Amino acid sequence: MSSTPHDPFYSSPFGPFYRRHTPYMVQPEYRIYEMNKRLQSRTEDSDNLWWDAFATEFFEDDATLTLSFCLEDGPKRYTIGRTLIPRYFSTVFEGGVTDLYYILKHSKESYHNSSITVDCDQCAMVTQHGKPMFTKVCTEGRLILEFTFDDLMRIKTWHFTIRQYRELVPRSILAMHAQDPQVLDQLSKNITRMGLTNFTLNYLRLCVILEPMQELMSRHKTYNLSPRDCLKTCLFQKWQRMVAPPAEPTRQPTTKRRKRKNSTSSTSNSGAANTANSAGSKKKAPAANLSLSSQGLGAIPNCSLNPGRDGDLCHSTAVTPSGQFKEKH
């Protein structure tokens, strides 16, 4: 069976300009497309194991997910770790959402040594709500993703900054309840806050408490300690890290430059050294090099741990004009 131009693996024999493009499976945006397909395959019977498998497929073990938006009481920013990410996506569907997918437009990619960053300033999170009424919500903002540069290409950091949102109600529903002002008043009310359901917002508030407790829960699961013992151990280790002195930076040894001496000074120094050596060879006494003999009587203090004749620890040695030594106590 011969391949045709419609075959994805078709390669034209007319040269490199007619070959098929590089498969977009290697592009980071394709991972978002795969994530959308995985979310569409979710069923009502999907349990925690399904959501854990979903997070394992698309997020790294140390991944973080951050949401930034502004509510009536001010700006909010929530960051959750890898263990809380599966529950975040499940709360979206528990709030009445039947479909969830992301649309990336005009995204920019930057490649690094071990990661790929995708910056999309026109990202839309689209959710289809079945209750309390049939509504389509488009949440627009900026999405910044960091993927690991490997075969799995999983998400390491997810940061979605929400700017605005729109809730769309079909005209057919409005026409059906045109004569019912009570229903029209209910349809005019928003069912989300900045595109997020109350289930998701409550979970994000709860994550503020749960996120710092991840270390305690992990220690309890690993070492089977009581909650009180886990708290004591974590606090003690944190105290040790605070008390421990910071590591001193390694200092590079300074290289000393050798100064070059002039030839005249070196010859004079060598001549003086030769004269001193000849004088020292004639007088083999220890203090022969001292200039005290020319000045009459001199005293050289000589302190030692061995006591002298009278038990003193320090005595002096006198030099006579003839060059002989005489101890003085």
Protein backbone atom coordinates (compact mmCIF):
# COMPACT_ATOMS: atom_id res chain seq x y z
CA MET A 1 0.00 0.00 0.00
CA SER A 2 1.61 3.22 -1.16
CA SER A 3 1.55 6.29 1.02
CA THR A 4 -0.42 9.36 -0.06
CA PRO A 5 0.06 13.05 0.74
CA HIS A 6 -2.78 12.73 3.26
CA ASP A 7 -0.79 10.17 5.23
CA PRO A 8 0.80 11.86 8.28
CA PHE A 9 4.00 9.86 7.65
CA TYR A 10 4.15 10.76 3.96
CA SER A 11 7.48 12.10 2.73
CA SER A 12 7.60 13.72 -0.68
CA PRO A 13 10.39 12.64 -3.05
CA PHE A 14 10.75 16.18 -4.43
CA GLY A 15 13.20 17.41 -1.84
CA PRO A 16 13.23 18.75 1.69
CA PHE A 17 10.89 21.65 0.90
CA TYR A 18 8.04 19.24 0.24
CA ARG A 19 8.48 17.08 3.31
CA ARG A 20 5.96 17.07 6.10
CA HIS A 21 6.48 19.41 9.03
CA THR A 22 7.96 18.29 12.29
CA PRO A 23 5.22 16.66 14.38
CA TYR A 24 3.75 19.15 16.82
CA MET A 25 3.80 16.47 19.49
CA VAL A 26 7.14 17.88 20.59
CA GLN A 27 5.61 21.31 21.13
CA PRO A 28 4.49 22.22 24.65
CA GLU A 29 1.07 23.38 23.47
CA TYR A 30 0.29 19.83 22.44
CA ARG A 31 0.50 18.82 26.09
CA ILE A 32 -2.34 21.23 26.85
CA TYR A 33 -4.30 19.66 24.00
CA GLU A 34 -3.69 16.24 25.52
CA MET A 35 -4.76 17.52 28.94
CA ASN A 36 -8.01 18.83 27.45
CA LYS A 37 -8.69 15.43 25.93
CA ARG A 38 -8.00 13.71 29.24
CA LEU A 39 -10.41 16.05 31.04
CA GLN A 40 -13.08 15.30 28.44
CA SER A 41 -12.71 11.58 29.11
CA ARG A 42 -13.65 12.12 32.76
CA THR A 43 -16.83 10.42 33.91
CA GLU A 44 -19.08 10.82 36.91
CA ASP A 45 -17.46 7.74 38.41
CA SER A 46 -13.95 9.18 38.32
CA ASP A 47 -12.51 8.81 41.82
CA ASN A 48 -9.40 10.09 43.56
CA LEU A 49 -7.24 7.46 41.85
CA TRP A 50 -8.27 8.81 38.45
CA TRP A 51 -7.39 12.35 39.46
CA ASP A 52 -4.05 11.23 40.92
CA ALA A 53 -3.23 9.50 37.64
CA PHE A 54 -4.24 12.66 35.77
CA ALA A 55 -1.92 14.83 37.87
CA THR A 56 0.93 12.31 37.57
CA GLU A 57 0.65 12.35 33.78
CA PHE A 58 0.78 16.12 33.36
CA PHE A 59 2.50 17.52 36.48
CA GLU A 60 5.93 16.97 37.97
CA ASP A 61 6.35 15.57 41.46
CA ASP A 62 7.42 18.99 42.78
CA ALA A 63 5.00 21.01 40.64
CA THR A 64 3.18 24.10 41.91
CA LEU A 65 -0.07 25.67 40.69
CA THR A 66 -0.71 29.38 41.29
CA LEU A 67 -3.91 31.36 40.70
CA SER A 68 -4.01 35.16 40.88
CA PHE A 69 -7.19 37.20 40.63
CA CYS A 70 -9.00 40.11 42.23
CA LEU A 71 -12.23 39.78 44.21
CA GLU A 72 -14.46 42.36 45.84
CA ASP A 73 -12.30 42.40 48.99
CA GLY A 74 -8.99 42.78 47.17
CA PRO A 75 -6.41 40.82 45.16
CA LYS A 76 -5.90 37.12 45.90
CA ARG A 77 -3.04 34.75 45.20
CA TYR A 78 -3.14 31.04 45.98
CA THR A 79 -0.29 28.57 45.45
CA ILE A 80 -0.74 24.84 45.99
CA GLY A 81 1.70 21.96 45.73
CA ARG A 82 1.65 18.72 43.80
CA THR A 83 -0.36 16.76 46.38
CA LEU A 84 -3.23 19.28 46.28
CA ILE A 85 -3.41 19.72 42.50
CA PRO A 86 -5.66 16.66 41.79
CA ARG A 87 -8.23 17.86 44.28
CA TYR A 88 -8.22 21.33 42.71
CA PHE A 89 -9.30 20.02 39.31
CA SER A 90 -11.92 17.75 40.86
CA THR A 91 -13.51 20.67 42.74
CA VAL A 92 -14.07 22.44 39.42
CA PHE A 93 -16.42 19.65 38.32
CA GLU A 94 -18.01 19.32 41.76
CA GLY A 95 -19.24 22.91 41.39
CA GLY A 96 -21.56 21.99 38.51
CA VAL A 97 -19.08 22.07 35.62
CA THR A 98 -19.57 19.42 32.94
CA ASP A 99 -16.72 20.41 30.61
CA LEU A 100 -13.38 22.14 31.07
CA TYR A 101 -10.70 23.02 28.53
CA TYR A 102 -8.01 25.63 27.92
CA ILE A 103 -7.39 27.67 24.76
CA LEU A 104 -3.96 29.20 24.13
CA LYS A 105 -3.56 31.94 21.51
CA HIS A 106 -0.33 33.55 20.35
CA SER A 107 1.79 31.90 23.00
CA LYS A 108 5.54 32.45 23.16
CA GLU A 109 8.00 29.68 23.89
CA SER A 110 11.49 30.00 25.33
CA TYR A 111 13.88 27.07 25.65
CA HIS A 112 16.33 26.69 28.52
CA ASN A 113 18.78 24.00 29.52
CA SER A 114 16.32 21.80 31.40
CA SER A 115 12.94 23.48 30.90
CA ILE A 116 10.63 25.09 28.38
CA THR A 117 8.60 28.17 29.29
CA VAL A 118 5.31 28.96 27.57
CA ASP A 119 3.93 32.47 28.05
CA CYS A 120 0.40 32.99 26.74
CA ASP A 121 -1.09 36.43 27.27
CA GLN A 122 -4.40 35.41 25.65
CA CYS A 123 -5.39 32.27 27.49
CA ALA A 124 -9.02 31.29 28.02
CA MET A 125 -10.34 28.73 30.49
CA VAL A 126 -13.72 27.63 29.21
CA THR A 127 -16.15 25.86 31.53
CA GLN A 128 -19.58 24.55 30.65
CA HIS A 129 -22.01 24.62 33.57
CA GLY A 130 -25.06 22.38 33.74
CA LYS A 131 -26.37 23.65 37.06
CA PRO A 132 -27.81 25.75 38.51
CA MET A 133 -28.47 26.69 34.91
CA PHE A 134 -26.94 26.04 31.50
CA THR A 135 -24.15 28.62 31.20
CA LYS A 136 -20.85 28.89 29.39
CA VAL A 137 -18.12 30.76 31.30
CA CYS A 138 -15.03 32.12 29.54
CA THR A 139 -12.27 33.11 31.96
CA GLU A 140 -9.51 35.09 30.27
CA GLY A 141 -6.05 35.89 31.54
CA ARG A 142 -2.36 35.18 31.25
CA LEU A 143 -1.01 31.66 31.62
CA ILE A 144 2.68 30.97 32.21
CA LEU A 145 3.76 27.33 32.11
CA GLU A 146 7.16 25.76 32.71
CA PHE A 147 7.67 22.29 31.27
CA THR A 148 10.55 19.92 31.92
CA PHE A 149 12.66 19.43 28.82
CA ASP A 150 12.50 15.63 28.64
CA ASP A 151 10.43 12.86 27.07
CA LEU A 152 7.53 13.22 29.51
CA MET A 153 7.38 17.03 29.23
CA ARG A 154 5.36 17.53 32.39
CA ILE A 155 4.37 20.84 33.94
CA LYS A 156 6.63 22.14 36.69
CA THR A 157 4.99 25.51 37.38
CA TRP A 158 1.50 26.71 36.45
CA HIS A 159 0.61 30.37 36.96
CA PHE A 160 -2.75 31.65 35.75
CA THR A 161 -3.53 35.34 36.26
CA ILE A 162 -7.22 36.04 35.69
CA ARG A 163 -8.10 39.42 34.21
CA GLN A 164 -11.79 39.12 33.28
CA TYR A 165 -14.55 36.60 32.71
CA ARG A 166 -17.83 36.35 30.84
CA GLU A 167 -20.90 34.24 31.52
CA LEU A 168 -22.86 33.37 28.39
CA VAL A 169 -26.49 32.22 28.51
CA PRO A 170 -28.15 30.89 25.31
CA ARG A 171 -30.87 33.05 23.82
CA SER A 172 -33.17 30.07 23.57
CA ILE A 173 -33.33 29.85 27.37
CA LEU A 174 -34.07 33.56 27.63
CA ALA A 175 -36.87 33.22 25.08
CA MET A 176 -38.41 30.33 27.01
CA HIS A 177 -38.63 32.37 30.21
CA ALA A 178 -39.32 35.77 28.70
CA GLN A 179 -42.67 36.00 30.50
CA ASP A 180 -41.31 34.90 33.87
CA PRO A 181 -39.56 37.82 35.59
CA GLN A 182 -38.51 35.62 38.49
CA VAL A 183 -36.52 33.29 36.25
CA LEU A 184 -35.08 36.21 34.28
CA ASP A 185 -33.86 37.75 37.52
CA GLN A 186 -32.18 34.48 38.43
CA LEU A 187 -30.58 34.22 35.00
CA SER A 188 -29.13 37.72 35.34
CA LYS A 189 -27.14 36.75 38.44
CA ASN A 190 -23.59 35.45 38.15
CA ILE A 191 -22.96 31.84 39.07
CA THR A 192 -19.16 32.27 39.45
CA ARG A 193 -16.72 34.75 40.94
CA MET A 194 -13.97 35.65 38.49
CA GLY A 195 -14.86 32.49 36.59
CA LEU A 196 -14.35 30.20 39.61
CA THR A 197 -17.10 28.33 41.42
CA ASN A 198 -17.67 28.57 45.16
CA PHE A 199 -16.42 24.99 45.53
CA THR A 200 -13.06 25.93 44.02
CA LEU A 201 -12.76 29.17 46.00
CA ASN A 202 -13.50 27.41 49.29
CA TYR A 203 -10.93 24.76 48.45
CA LEU A 204 -8.28 27.39 47.69
CA ARG A 205 -8.96 29.04 51.05
CA LEU A 206 -8.63 25.66 52.71
CA CYS A 207 -5.31 25.11 50.93
CA VAL A 208 -3.88 28.07 52.82
CA ILE A 209 -4.13 25.84 55.90
CA LEU A 210 -3.40 22.53 54.21
CA GLU A 211 -0.26 23.58 52.32
CA PRO A 212 1.91 24.24 55.42
CA MET A 213 0.69 20.94 56.89
CA GLN A 214 2.02 18.87 54.00
CA GLU A 215 5.30 18.27 55.82
CA LEU A 216 3.44 17.05 58.92
CA MET A 217 1.22 14.69 56.94
CA SER A 218 4.15 13.35 54.95
CA ARG A 219 6.14 12.70 58.14
CA HIS A 220 3.15 11.00 59.73
CA LYS A 221 2.71 8.76 56.71
CA THR A 222 6.41 7.90 56.48
CA TYR A 223 7.35 7.36 60.14
CA ASN A 224 3.90 6.57 61.59
CA LEU A 225 4.29 9.21 64.30
CA SER A 226 1.53 10.88 66.25
CA PRO A 227 0.48 14.37 65.14
CA ARG A 228 2.04 15.89 68.28
CA ASP A 229 5.37 14.10 67.69
CA CYS A 230 5.37 15.15 64.03
CA LEU A 231 4.85 18.76 65.05
CA LYS A 232 7.65 18.58 67.65
CA THR A 233 10.06 17.04 65.15
CA CYS A 234 9.31 19.58 62.43
CA LEU A 235 9.63 22.51 64.82
CA PHE A 236 12.90 21.18 66.19
CA GLN A 237 14.38 20.76 62.71
CA LYS A 238 13.23 24.23 61.73
CA TRP A 239 14.82 25.64 64.89
CA GLN A 240 18.06 23.84 64.04
CA ARG A 241 18.09 25.39 60.57
CA MET A 242 17.56 28.84 62.06
CA VAL A 243 20.24 28.47 64.74
CA ALA A 244 22.83 26.82 62.52
CA PRO A 245 25.45 29.36 61.40
CA PRO A 246 25.47 30.13 57.71
CA ALA A 247 28.12 28.43 55.69
CA GLU A 248 31.06 30.70 55.01
CA PRO A 249 31.84 31.22 51.37
CA THR A 250 35.07 29.67 50.22
CA ARG A 251 37.77 32.27 49.72
CA GLN A 252 40.10 31.96 46.81
CA PRO A 253 43.78 32.07 47.79
CA THR A 254 45.41 35.34 46.85
CA THR A 255 48.43 34.98 44.61
CA LYS A 256 51.40 37.05 45.75
CA ARG A 257 53.45 38.77 43.13
CA ARG A 258 57.19 38.43 43.45
CA LYS A 259 58.94 41.78 43.26
CA ARG A 260 61.95 42.01 41.03
CA LYS A 261 65.04 43.39 42.76
CA ASN A 262 67.52 45.69 41.13
CA SER A 263 70.91 44.30 40.22
CA THR A 264 72.75 46.95 42.28
CA SER A 265 70.83 46.16 45.47
CA SER A 266 71.28 42.43 44.97
CA THR A 267 75.07 42.79 44.58
CA SER A 268 75.31 44.97 47.70
CA ASN A 269 73.17 42.52 49.68
CA SER A 270 75.30 39.59 48.57
CA GLY A 271 78.46 41.47 49.53
CA ALA A 272 77.09 42.24 53.01
CA ALA A 273 76.05 38.64 53.45
CA ASN A 274 79.52 37.39 52.52
CA THR A 275 81.09 39.78 55.04
CA ALA A 276 78.71 38.58 57.79
CA ASN A 277 79.46 34.95 56.97
CA SER A 278 83.22 35.49 57.18
CA ALA A 279 82.85 37.25 60.52
CA GLY A 280 80.61 34.47 61.80
CA SER A 281 83.12 31.82 60.77
CA LYS A 282 85.88 33.49 62.82
CA LYS A 283 83.66 33.86 65.92
CA LYS A 284 81.55 30.76 66.45
CA ALA A 285 79.74 32.17 69.50
CA PRO A 286 75.87 32.36 69.36
CA ALA A 287 75.76 36.13 69.74
CA ALA A 288 78.65 36.94 67.44
CA ASN A 289 76.38 38.66 64.92
CA LEU A 290 75.03 41.07 67.54
CA SER A 291 76.43 44.60 67.54
CA LEU A 292 76.27 44.88 71.34
CA SER A 293 80.02 44.07 71.79
CA SER A 294 81.01 47.30 70.12
CA GLN A 295 78.89 49.26 72.60
CA GLY A 296 80.51 47.87 75.77
CA LEU A 297 78.26 45.79 78.02
CA GLY A 298 74.90 44.67 76.77
CA ALA A 299 72.13 42.52 78.28
CA ILE A 300 70.09 40.02 76.32
CA PRO A 301 66.93 38.90 78.15
CA ASN A 302 66.56 35.11 78.10
CA CYS A 303 63.30 33.86 79.57
CA SER A 304 62.65 30.16 79.84
CA LEU A 305 60.46 27.76 81.76
CA ASN A 306 63.53 26.29 83.52
CA PRO A 307 64.25 28.19 86.79
CA GLY A 308 67.67 29.71 87.38
CA ARG A 309 69.88 29.33 90.37
CA ASP A 310 67.61 31.35 92.69
CA GLY A 311 64.41 29.85 91.25
CA ASP A 312 63.68 32.77 88.89
CA LEU A 313 62.08 32.01 85.59
CA CYS A 314 63.87 34.83 83.82
CA HIS A 315 67.57 35.68 83.84
CA SER A 316 69.82 37.72 81.59
CA THR A 317 73.10 37.11 79.87
CA ALA A 318 75.78 39.81 79.94
CA VAL A 319 78.34 40.30 77.21
CA THR A 320 81.72 41.69 78.25
CA PRO A 321 83.81 43.87 75.95
CA SER A 322 86.10 40.93 75.34
CA GLY A 323 83.23 38.93 73.90
CA GLN A 324 82.78 36.52 76.81
CA PHE A 325 79.34 35.69 78.22
CA LYS A 326 78.40 36.12 81.85
CA GLU A 327 75.01 35.19 83.34
CA LYS A 328 73.32 37.68 85.64
CA HIS A 329 70.39 36.77 87.91
